[in-house]
Amino acid sequence: MKTNIIISVMVAIFIAMIIINSCNVSQKISEKSGAQLWGETCIRCHNTPPPTSYSDAQWQTVVTHMKVRANLTDEETKKIVDFLQTAN
């Protein structure tokens, strides 16, 4: 009986630690700037063109298309688009 309680408490603590750790990772990602996200995410797969290469509307289309491939959140996508549109 005592062993079952100890195991249950340890499992609960382990689950809580996993949840807390996953929250910290998503918070760190959301704290990144659009420039950081653009550099880290886009350059992984190909050379990134300078922000002046496309118009605001074209950047919106490009980043929206790549959102799925790069597994970006809506917030990350908006930050990248805002950065590119501001820099072009």
PDB file of N, CA and C in Angstrom:
ATOM      1  N   MET A   1       0.827  -1.190   0.000  1.00  0.00           N
ATOM      2  CA  MET A   1       0.000   0.000   0.000  1.00  0.00           C
ATOM      3  C   MET A   1       0.869   1.250   0.000  1.00  0.00           C
ATOM      4  N   LYS A   2       1.857   1.286   0.888  1.00  0.00           N
ATOM      5  CA  LYS A   2       2.748   2.426   0.982  1.00  0.00           C
ATOM      6  C   LYS A   2       3.554   2.580  -0.311  1.00  0.00           C
ATOM      7  N   THR A   3       3.947   1.467  -0.898  1.00  0.00           N
ATOM      8  CA  THR A   3       4.706   1.483  -2.141  1.00  0.00           C
ATOM      9  C   THR A   3       3.875   2.076  -3.272  1.00  0.00           C
ATOM     10  N   ASN A   4       2.598   1.730  -3.347  1.00  0.00           N
ATOM     11  CA  ASN A   4       1.713   2.267  -4.380  1.00  0.00           C
ATOM     12  C   ASN A   4       1.577   3.779  -4.261  1.00  0.00           C
ATOM     13  N   ILE A   5       1.485   4.279  -3.051  1.00  0.00           N
ATOM     14  CA  ILE A   5       1.363   5.721  -2.834  1.00  0.00           C
ATOM     15  C   ILE A   5       2.643   6.421  -3.280  1.00  0.00           C
ATOM     16  N   ILE A   6       3.782   5.867  -2.921  1.00  0.00           N
ATOM     17  CA  ILE A   6       5.067   6.464  -3.303  1.00  0.00           C
ATOM     18  C   ILE A   6       5.221   6.478  -4.821  1.00  0.00           C
ATOM     19  N   ILE A   7       4.868   5.388  -5.467  1.00  0.00           N
ATOM     20  CA  ILE A   7       4.960   5.313  -6.928  1.00  0.00           C
ATOM     21  C   ILE A   7       4.020   6.323  -7.573  1.00  0.00           C
ATOM     22  N   SER A   8       2.808   6.440  -7.057  1.00  0.00           N
ATOM     23  CA  SER A   8       1.841   7.399  -7.599  1.00  0.00           C
ATOM     24  C   SER A   8       2.343   8.831  -7.471  1.00  0.00           C
ATOM     25  N   VAL A   9       2.917   9.153  -6.330  1.00  0.00           N
ATOM     26  CA  VAL A   9       3.455  10.503  -6.117  1.00  0.00           C
ATOM     27  C   VAL A   9       4.621  10.767  -7.072  1.00  0.00           C
ATOM     28  N   MET A  10       5.491   9.798  -7.253  1.00  0.00           N
ATOM     29  CA  MET A  10       6.632   9.968  -8.150  1.00  0.00           C
ATOM     30  C   MET A  10       6.175  10.148  -9.598  1.00  0.00           C
ATOM     31  N   VAL A  11       5.173   9.401 -10.015  1.00  0.00           N
ATOM     32  CA  VAL A  11       4.637   9.540 -11.367  1.00  0.00           C
ATOM     33  C   VAL A  11       4.025  10.928 -11.543  1.00  0.00           C
ATOM     34  N   ALA A  12       3.285  11.396 -10.547  1.00  0.00           N
ATOM     35  CA  ALA A  12       2.676  12.726 -10.615  1.00  0.00           C
ATOM     36  C   ALA A  12       3.745  13.815 -10.712  1.00  0.00           C
ATOM     37  N   ILE A  13       4.810  13.686  -9.954  1.00  0.00           N
ATOM     38  CA  ILE A  13       5.909  14.655 -10.006  1.00  0.00           C
ATOM     39  C   ILE A  13       6.577  14.622 -11.380  1.00  0.00           C
ATOM     40  N   PHE A  14       6.786  13.439 -11.907  1.00  0.00           N
ATOM     41  CA  PHE A  14       7.406  13.291 -13.223  1.00  0.00           C
ATOM     42  C   PHE A  14       6.558  13.957 -14.307  1.00  0.00           C
ATOM     43  N   ILE A  15       5.260  13.730 -14.280  1.00  0.00           N
ATOM     44  CA  ILE A  15       4.353  14.336 -15.258  1.00  0.00           C
ATOM     45  C   ILE A  15       4.364  15.853 -15.120  1.00  0.00           C
ATOM     46  N   ALA A  16       4.347  16.347 -13.895  1.00  0.00           N
ATOM     47  CA  ALA A  16       4.387  17.795 -13.665  1.00  0.00           C
ATOM     48  C   ALA A  16       5.673  18.399 -14.225  1.00  0.00           C
ATOM     49  N   MET A  17       6.789  17.704 -14.056  1.00  0.00           N
ATOM     50  CA  MET A  17       8.067  18.202 -14.572  1.00  0.00           C
ATOM     51  C   MET A  17       8.056  18.267 -16.098  1.00  0.00           C
ATOM     52  N   ILE A  18       7.457  17.286 -16.738  1.00  0.00           N
ATOM     53  CA  ILE A  18       7.363  17.282 -18.200  1.00  0.00           C
ATOM     54  C   ILE A  18       6.529  18.462 -18.677  1.00  0.00           C
ATOM     55  N   ILE A  19       5.407  18.697 -18.032  1.00  0.00           N
ATOM     56  CA  ILE A  19       4.527  19.806 -18.415  1.00  0.00           C
ATOM     57  C   ILE A  19       5.240  21.140 -18.232  1.00  0.00           C
ATOM     58  N   ILE A  20       5.892  21.319 -17.114  1.00  0.00           N
ATOM     59  CA  ILE A  20       6.601  22.571 -16.844  1.00  0.00           C
ATOM     60  C   ILE A  20       7.717  22.783 -17.861  1.00  0.00           C
ATOM     61  N   ASN A  21       8.446  21.741 -18.180  1.00  0.00           N
ATOM     62  CA  ASN A  21       9.539  21.853 -19.140  1.00  0.00           C
ATOM     63  C   ASN A  21       9.027  22.206 -20.530  1.00  0.00           C
ATOM     64  N   SER A  22       7.927  21.621 -20.967  1.00  0.00           N
ATOM     65  CA  SER A  22       7.396  21.924 -22.292  1.00  0.00           C
ATOM     66  C   SER A  22       6.902  23.355 -22.366  1.00  0.00           C
ATOM     67  N   CYS A  23       6.381  23.897 -21.288  1.00  0.00           N
ATOM     68  CA  CYS A  23       5.950  25.297 -21.264  1.00  0.00           C
ATOM     69  C   CYS A  23       7.147  26.224 -21.436  1.00  0.00           C
ATOM     70  N   ASN A  24       8.247  25.912 -20.814  1.00  0.00           N
ATOM     71  CA  ASN A  24       9.438  26.753 -20.922  1.00  0.00           C
ATOM     72  C   ASN A  24       9.971  26.794 -22.345  1.00  0.00           C
ATOM     73  N   VAL A  25       9.923  25.683 -23.054  1.00  0.00           N
ATOM     74  CA  VAL A  25      10.412  25.639 -24.427  1.00  0.00           C
ATOM     75  C   VAL A  25       9.570  26.533 -25.312  1.00  0.00           C
ATOM     76  N   SER A  26       8.249  26.459 -25.223  1.00  0.00           N
ATOM     77  CA  SER A  26       7.397  27.290 -26.064  1.00  0.00           C
ATOM     78  C   SER A  26       7.535  28.758 -25.712  1.00  0.00           C
ATOM     79  N   GLN A  27       7.783  29.079 -24.454  1.00  0.00           N
ATOM     80  CA  GLN A  27       7.990  30.468 -24.071  1.00  0.00           C
ATOM     81  C   GLN A  27       9.286  30.993 -24.674  1.00  0.00           C
ATOM     82  N   LYS A  28      10.332  30.190 -24.695  1.00  0.00           N
ATOM     83  CA  LYS A  28      11.606  30.620 -25.267  1.00  0.00           C
ATOM     84  C   LYS A  28      11.459  30.885 -26.757  1.00  0.00           C
ATOM     85  N   ILE A  29      10.706  30.051 -27.448  1.00  0.00           N
ATOM     86  CA  ILE A  29      10.494  30.239 -28.877  1.00  0.00           C
ATOM     87  C   ILE A  29       9.741  31.534 -29.128  1.00  0.00           C
ATOM     88  N   SER A  30       8.688  31.787 -28.354  1.00  0.00           N
ATOM     89  CA  SER A  30       7.879  32.974 -28.585  1.00  0.00           C
ATOM     90  C   SER A  30       8.616  34.259 -28.234  1.00  0.00           C
ATOM     91  N   GLU A  31       9.698  34.175 -27.447  1.00  0.00           N
ATOM     92  CA  GLU A  31      10.472  35.355 -27.089  1.00  0.00           C
ATOM     93  C   GLU A  31      11.450  35.755 -28.191  1.00  0.00           C
ATOM     94  N   LYS A  32      11.646  34.924 -29.179  1.00  0.00           N
ATOM     95  CA  LYS A  32      12.580  35.234 -30.255  1.00  0.00           C
ATOM     96  C   LYS A  32      11.983  36.298 -31.173  1.00  0.00           C
ATOM     97  N   SER A  33      12.860  37.102 -31.737  1.00  0.00           N
ATOM     98  CA  SER A  33      12.417  38.139 -32.667  1.00  0.00           C
ATOM     99  C   SER A  33      12.162  37.530 -34.043  1.00  0.00           C
ATOM    100  N   GLY A  34      11.505  38.300 -34.890  1.00  0.00           N
ATOM    101  CA  GLY A  34      11.259  37.845 -36.253  1.00  0.00           C
ATOM    102  C   GLY A  34      12.550  37.591 -37.010  1.00  0.00           C
ATOM    103  N   ALA A  35      13.553  38.443 -36.773  1.00  0.00           N
ATOM    104  CA  ALA A  35      14.850  38.273 -37.437  1.00  0.00           C
ATOM    105  C   ALA A  35      15.523  36.972 -36.998  1.00  0.00           C
ATOM    106  N   GLN A  36      15.454  36.680 -35.702  1.00  0.00           N
ATOM    107  CA  GLN A  36      16.047  35.434 -35.200  1.00  0.00           C
ATOM    108  C   GLN A  36      15.331  34.222 -35.782  1.00  0.00           C
ATOM    109  N   LEU A  37      14.009  34.258 -35.767  1.00  0.00           N
ATOM    110  CA  LEU A  37      13.229  33.139 -36.302  1.00  0.00           C
ATOM    111  C   LEU A  37      13.512  32.942 -37.785  1.00  0.00           C
ATOM    112  N   TRP A  38      13.577  34.033 -38.519  1.00  0.00           N
ATOM    113  CA  TRP A  38      13.850  33.972 -39.958  1.00  0.00           C
ATOM    114  C   TRP A  38      15.212  33.340 -40.207  1.00  0.00           C
ATOM    115  N   GLY A  39      16.219  33.810 -39.495  1.00  0.00           N
ATOM    116  CA  GLY A  39      17.561  33.275 -39.669  1.00  0.00           C
ATOM    117  C   GLY A  39      17.669  31.812 -39.290  1.00  0.00           C
ATOM    118  N   GLU A  40      17.082  31.442 -38.164  1.00  0.00           N
ATOM    119  CA  GLU A  40      17.189  30.062 -37.678  1.00  0.00           C
ATOM    120  C   GLU A  40      16.316  29.093 -38.462  1.00  0.00           C
ATOM    121  N   THR A  41      15.134  29.528 -38.837  1.00  0.00           N
ATOM    122  CA  THR A  41      14.166  28.628 -39.463  1.00  0.00           C
ATOM    123  C   THR A  41      14.393  28.491 -40.961  1.00  0.00           C
ATOM    124  N   CYS A  42      14.530  29.601 -41.643  1.00  0.00           N
ATOM    125  CA  CYS A  42      14.572  29.571 -43.104  1.00  0.00           C
ATOM    126  C   CYS A  42      15.915  29.093 -43.646  1.00  0.00           C
ATOM    127  N   ILE A  43      16.982  29.466 -42.975  1.00  0.00           N
ATOM    128  CA  ILE A  43      18.316  29.129 -43.470  1.00  0.00           C
ATOM    129  C   ILE A  43      18.636  27.642 -43.303  1.00  0.00           C
ATOM    130  N   ARG A  44      17.828  26.949 -42.506  1.00  0.00           N
ATOM    131  CA  ARG A  44      18.025  25.498 -42.327  1.00  0.00           C
ATOM    132  C   ARG A  44      17.954  24.754 -43.641  1.00  0.00           C
ATOM    133  N   CYS A  45      17.035  25.181 -44.505  1.00  0.00           N
ATOM    134  CA  CYS A  45      16.762  24.415 -45.723  1.00  0.00           C
ATOM    135  C   CYS A  45      17.332  25.041 -46.996  1.00  0.00           C
ATOM    136  N   HIS A  46      17.486  26.344 -47.025  1.00  0.00           N
ATOM    137  CA  HIS A  46      17.955  27.003 -48.243  1.00  0.00           C
ATOM    138  C   HIS A  46      18.514  28.380 -47.924  1.00  0.00           C
ATOM    139  N   ASN A  47      19.179  28.952 -48.920  1.00  0.00           N
ATOM    140  CA  ASN A  47      19.684  30.318 -48.759  1.00  0.00           C
ATOM    141  C   ASN A  47      18.500  31.269 -48.728  1.00  0.00           C
ATOM    142  N   THR A  48      18.531  32.185 -47.813  1.00  0.00           N
ATOM    143  CA  THR A  48      17.418  33.122 -47.696  1.00  0.00           C
ATOM    144  C   THR A  48      17.731  34.383 -48.483  1.00  0.00           C
ATOM    145  N   PRO A  49      16.775  34.833 -49.289  1.00  0.00           N
ATOM    146  CA  PRO A  49      16.997  36.071 -50.032  1.00  0.00           C
ATOM    147  C   PRO A  49      16.915  37.268 -49.084  1.00  0.00           C
ATOM    148  N   PRO A  50      17.530  38.379 -49.445  1.00  0.00           N
ATOM    149  CA  PRO A  50      17.426  39.557 -48.583  1.00  0.00           C
ATOM    150  C   PRO A  50      15.982  40.056 -48.540  1.00  0.00           C
ATOM    151  N   PRO A  51      15.599  40.727 -47.471  1.00  0.00           N
ATOM    152  CA  PRO A  51      14.220  41.209 -47.340  1.00  0.00           C
ATOM    153  C   PRO A  51      13.765  42.097 -48.495  1.00  0.00           C
ATOM    154  N   THR A  52      14.698  42.763 -49.160  1.00  0.00           N
ATOM    155  CA  THR A  52      14.326  43.650 -50.270  1.00  0.00           C
ATOM    156  C   THR A  52      13.979  42.892 -51.552  1.00  0.00           C
ATOM    157  N   SER A  53      14.106  41.582 -51.543  1.00  0.00           N
ATOM    158  CA  SER A  53      13.837  40.779 -52.742  1.00  0.00           C
ATOM    159  C   SER A  53      12.362  40.727 -53.117  1.00  0.00           C
ATOM    160  N   TYR A  54      11.483  40.879 -52.146  1.00  0.00           N
ATOM    161  CA  TYR A  54      10.050  40.752 -52.395  1.00  0.00           C
ATOM    162  C   TYR A  54       9.285  41.918 -51.782  1.00  0.00           C
ATOM    163  N   SER A  55       8.088  42.140 -52.309  1.00  0.00           N
ATOM    164  CA  SER A  55       7.200  43.167 -51.750  1.00  0.00           C
ATOM    165  C   SER A  55       6.545  42.628 -50.479  1.00  0.00           C
ATOM    166  N   ASP A  56       5.838  43.496 -49.767  1.00  0.00           N
ATOM    167  CA  ASP A  56       5.138  43.065 -48.548  1.00  0.00           C
ATOM    168  C   ASP A  56       4.163  41.926 -48.837  1.00  0.00           C
ATOM    169  N   ALA A  57       3.395  42.067 -49.914  1.00  0.00           N
ATOM    170  CA  ALA A  57       2.407  41.036 -50.261  1.00  0.00           C
ATOM    171  C   ALA A  57       3.095  39.719 -50.631  1.00  0.00           C
ATOM    172  N   GLN A  58       4.202  39.815 -51.348  1.00  0.00           N
ATOM    173  CA  GLN A  58       4.924  38.603 -51.732  1.00  0.00           C
ATOM    174  C   GLN A  58       5.511  37.900 -50.508  1.00  0.00           C
ATOM    175  N   TRP A  59       6.057  38.677 -49.554  1.00  0.00           N
ATOM    176  CA  TRP A  59       6.591  38.057 -48.340  1.00  0.00           C
ATOM    177  C   TRP A  59       5.485  37.356 -47.565  1.00  0.00           C
ATOM    178  N   GLN A  60       4.310  37.970 -47.512  1.00  0.00           N
ATOM    179  CA  GLN A  60       3.185  37.347 -46.809  1.00  0.00           C
ATOM    180  C   GLN A  60       2.877  35.987 -47.431  1.00  0.00           C
ATOM    181  N   THR A  61       2.850  35.932 -48.750  1.00  0.00           N
ATOM    182  CA  THR A  61       2.564  34.683 -49.458  1.00  0.00           C
ATOM    183  C   THR A  61       3.666  33.650 -49.230  1.00  0.00           C
ATOM    184  N   VAL A  62       4.911  34.069 -49.361  1.00  0.00           N
ATOM    185  CA  VAL A  62       6.044  33.149 -49.203  1.00  0.00           C
ATOM    186  C   VAL A  62       6.059  32.550 -47.799  1.00  0.00           C
ATOM    187  N   VAL A  63       5.957  33.402 -46.788  1.00  0.00           N
ATOM    188  CA  VAL A  63       6.041  32.916 -45.407  1.00  0.00           C
ATOM    189  C   VAL A  63       4.829  32.058 -45.059  1.00  0.00           C
ATOM    190  N   THR A  64       3.653  32.435 -45.544  1.00  0.00           N
ATOM    191  CA  THR A  64       2.458  31.624 -45.290  1.00  0.00           C
ATOM    192  C   THR A  64       2.627  30.234 -45.903  1.00  0.00           C
ATOM    193  N   HIS A  65       3.181  30.171 -47.099  1.00  0.00           N
ATOM    194  CA  HIS A  65       3.424  28.880 -47.752  1.00  0.00           C
ATOM    195  C   HIS A  65       4.438  28.047 -46.959  1.00  0.00           C
ATOM    196  N   MET A  66       5.492  28.688 -46.502  1.00  0.00           N
ATOM    197  CA  MET A  66       6.554  27.972 -45.800  1.00  0.00           C
ATOM    198  C   MET A  66       6.186  27.643 -44.353  1.00  0.00           C
ATOM    199  N   LYS A  67       5.158  28.272 -43.832  1.00  0.00           N
ATOM    200  CA  LYS A  67       4.728  28.036 -42.446  1.00  0.00           C
ATOM    201  C   LYS A  67       4.513  26.547 -42.183  1.00  0.00           C
ATOM    202  N   VAL A  68       3.839  25.887 -43.091  1.00  0.00           N
ATOM    203  CA  VAL A  68       3.528  24.469 -42.924  1.00  0.00           C
ATOM    204  C   VAL A  68       4.804  23.635 -42.986  1.00  0.00           C
ATOM    205  N   ARG A  69       5.648  23.912 -43.958  1.00  0.00           N
ATOM    206  CA  ARG A  69       6.887  23.141 -44.116  1.00  0.00           C
ATOM    207  C   ARG A  69       7.845  23.334 -42.951  1.00  0.00           C
ATOM    208  N   ALA A  70       7.873  24.562 -42.401  1.00  0.00           N
ATOM    209  CA  ALA A  70       8.799  24.875 -41.309  1.00  0.00           C
ATOM    210  C   ALA A  70       8.178  24.628 -39.936  1.00  0.00           C
ATOM    211  N   ASN A  71       6.917  24.215 -39.928  1.00  0.00           N
ATOM    212  CA  ASN A  71       6.218  23.930 -38.669  1.00  0.00           C
ATOM    213  C   ASN A  71       6.216  25.149 -37.742  1.00  0.00           C
ATOM    214  N   LEU A  72       5.836  26.304 -38.302  1.00  0.00           N
ATOM    215  CA  LEU A  72       5.796  27.549 -37.541  1.00  0.00           C
ATOM    216  C   LEU A  72       4.420  27.771 -36.934  1.00  0.00           C
ATOM    217  N   THR A  73       4.390  28.401 -35.786  1.00  0.00           N
ATOM    218  CA  THR A  73       3.120  28.794 -35.177  1.00  0.00           C
ATOM    219  C   THR A  73       2.641  30.079 -35.849  1.00  0.00           C
ATOM    220  N   ASP A  74       1.392  30.451 -35.588  1.00  0.00           N
ATOM    221  CA  ASP A  74       0.864  31.709 -36.120  1.00  0.00           C
ATOM    222  C   ASP A  74       1.684  32.899 -35.618  1.00  0.00           C
ATOM    223  N   GLU A  75       2.052  32.862 -34.344  1.00  0.00           N
ATOM    224  CA  GLU A  75       2.830  33.956 -33.749  1.00  0.00           C
ATOM    225  C   GLU A  75       4.207  34.070 -34.404  1.00  0.00           C
ATOM    226  N   GLU A  76       4.862  32.946 -34.622  1.00  0.00           N
ATOM    227  CA  GLU A  76       6.177  32.956 -35.263  1.00  0.00           C
ATOM    228  C   GLU A  76       6.075  33.467 -36.698  1.00  0.00           C
ATOM    229  N   THR A  77       5.039  33.028 -37.405  1.00  0.00           N
ATOM    230  CA  THR A  77       4.826  33.464 -38.781  1.00  0.00           C
ATOM    231  C   THR A  77       4.647  34.972 -38.844  1.00  0.00           C
ATOM    232  N   LYS A  78       3.829  35.504 -37.949  1.00  0.00           N
ATOM    233  CA  LYS A  78       3.584  36.952 -37.918  1.00  0.00           C
ATOM    234  C   LYS A  78       4.876  37.715 -37.634  1.00  0.00           C
ATOM    235  N   LYS A  79       5.671  37.222 -36.701  1.00  0.00           N
ATOM    236  CA  LYS A  79       6.939  37.896 -36.384  1.00  0.00           C
ATOM    237  C   LYS A  79       7.874  37.917 -37.591  1.00  0.00           C
ATOM    238  N   ILE A  80       7.943  36.813 -38.308  1.00  0.00           N
ATOM    239  CA  ILE A  80       8.821  36.748 -39.482  1.00  0.00           C
ATOM    240  C   ILE A  80       8.327  37.692 -40.568  1.00  0.00           C
ATOM    241  N   VAL A  81       7.022  37.658 -40.853  1.00  0.00           N
ATOM    242  CA  VAL A  81       6.458  38.538 -41.880  1.00  0.00           C
ATOM    243  C   VAL A  81       6.669  40.001 -41.495  1.00  0.00           C
ATOM    244  N   ASP A  82       6.406  40.341 -40.244  1.00  0.00           N
ATOM    245  CA  ASP A  82       6.607  41.724 -39.789  1.00  0.00           C
ATOM    246  C   ASP A  82       8.057  42.163 -39.988  1.00  0.00           C
ATOM    247  N   PHE A  83       8.993  41.292 -39.632  1.00  0.00           N
ATOM    248  CA  PHE A  83      10.414  41.619 -39.809  1.00  0.00           C
ATOM    249  C   PHE A  83      10.728  41.854 -41.280  1.00  0.00           C
ATOM    250  N   LEU A  84      10.310  40.939 -42.146  1.00  0.00           N
ATOM    251  CA  LEU A  84      10.638  41.048 -43.565  1.00  0.00           C
ATOM    252  C   LEU A  84       9.989  42.269 -44.205  1.00  0.00           C
ATOM    253  N   GLN A  85       8.747  42.563 -43.824  1.00  0.00           N
ATOM    254  CA  GLN A  85       8.065  43.723 -44.387  1.00  0.00           C
ATOM    255  C   GLN A  85       8.682  45.027 -43.889  1.00  0.00           C
ATOM    256  N   THR A  86       9.131  45.048 -42.660  1.00  0.00           N
ATOM    257  CA  THR A  86       9.775  46.242 -42.112  1.00  0.00           C
ATOM    258  C   THR A  86      11.142  46.458 -42.753  1.00  0.00           C
ATOM    259  N   ALA A  87      11.835  45.380 -43.035  1.00  0.00           N
ATOM    260  CA  ALA A  87      13.200  45.468 -43.568  1.00  0.00           C
ATOM    261  C   ALA A  87      13.254  45.664 -45.078  1.00  0.00           C
ATOM    262  N   ASN A  88      12.130  45.526 -45.778  1.00  0.00           N
ATOM    263  CA  ASN A  88      12.228  45.623 -47.244  1.00  0.00           C
ATOM    264  C   ASN A  88      12.006  47.000 -47.787  1.00  0.00           C
TER     265      ASN A  88
END
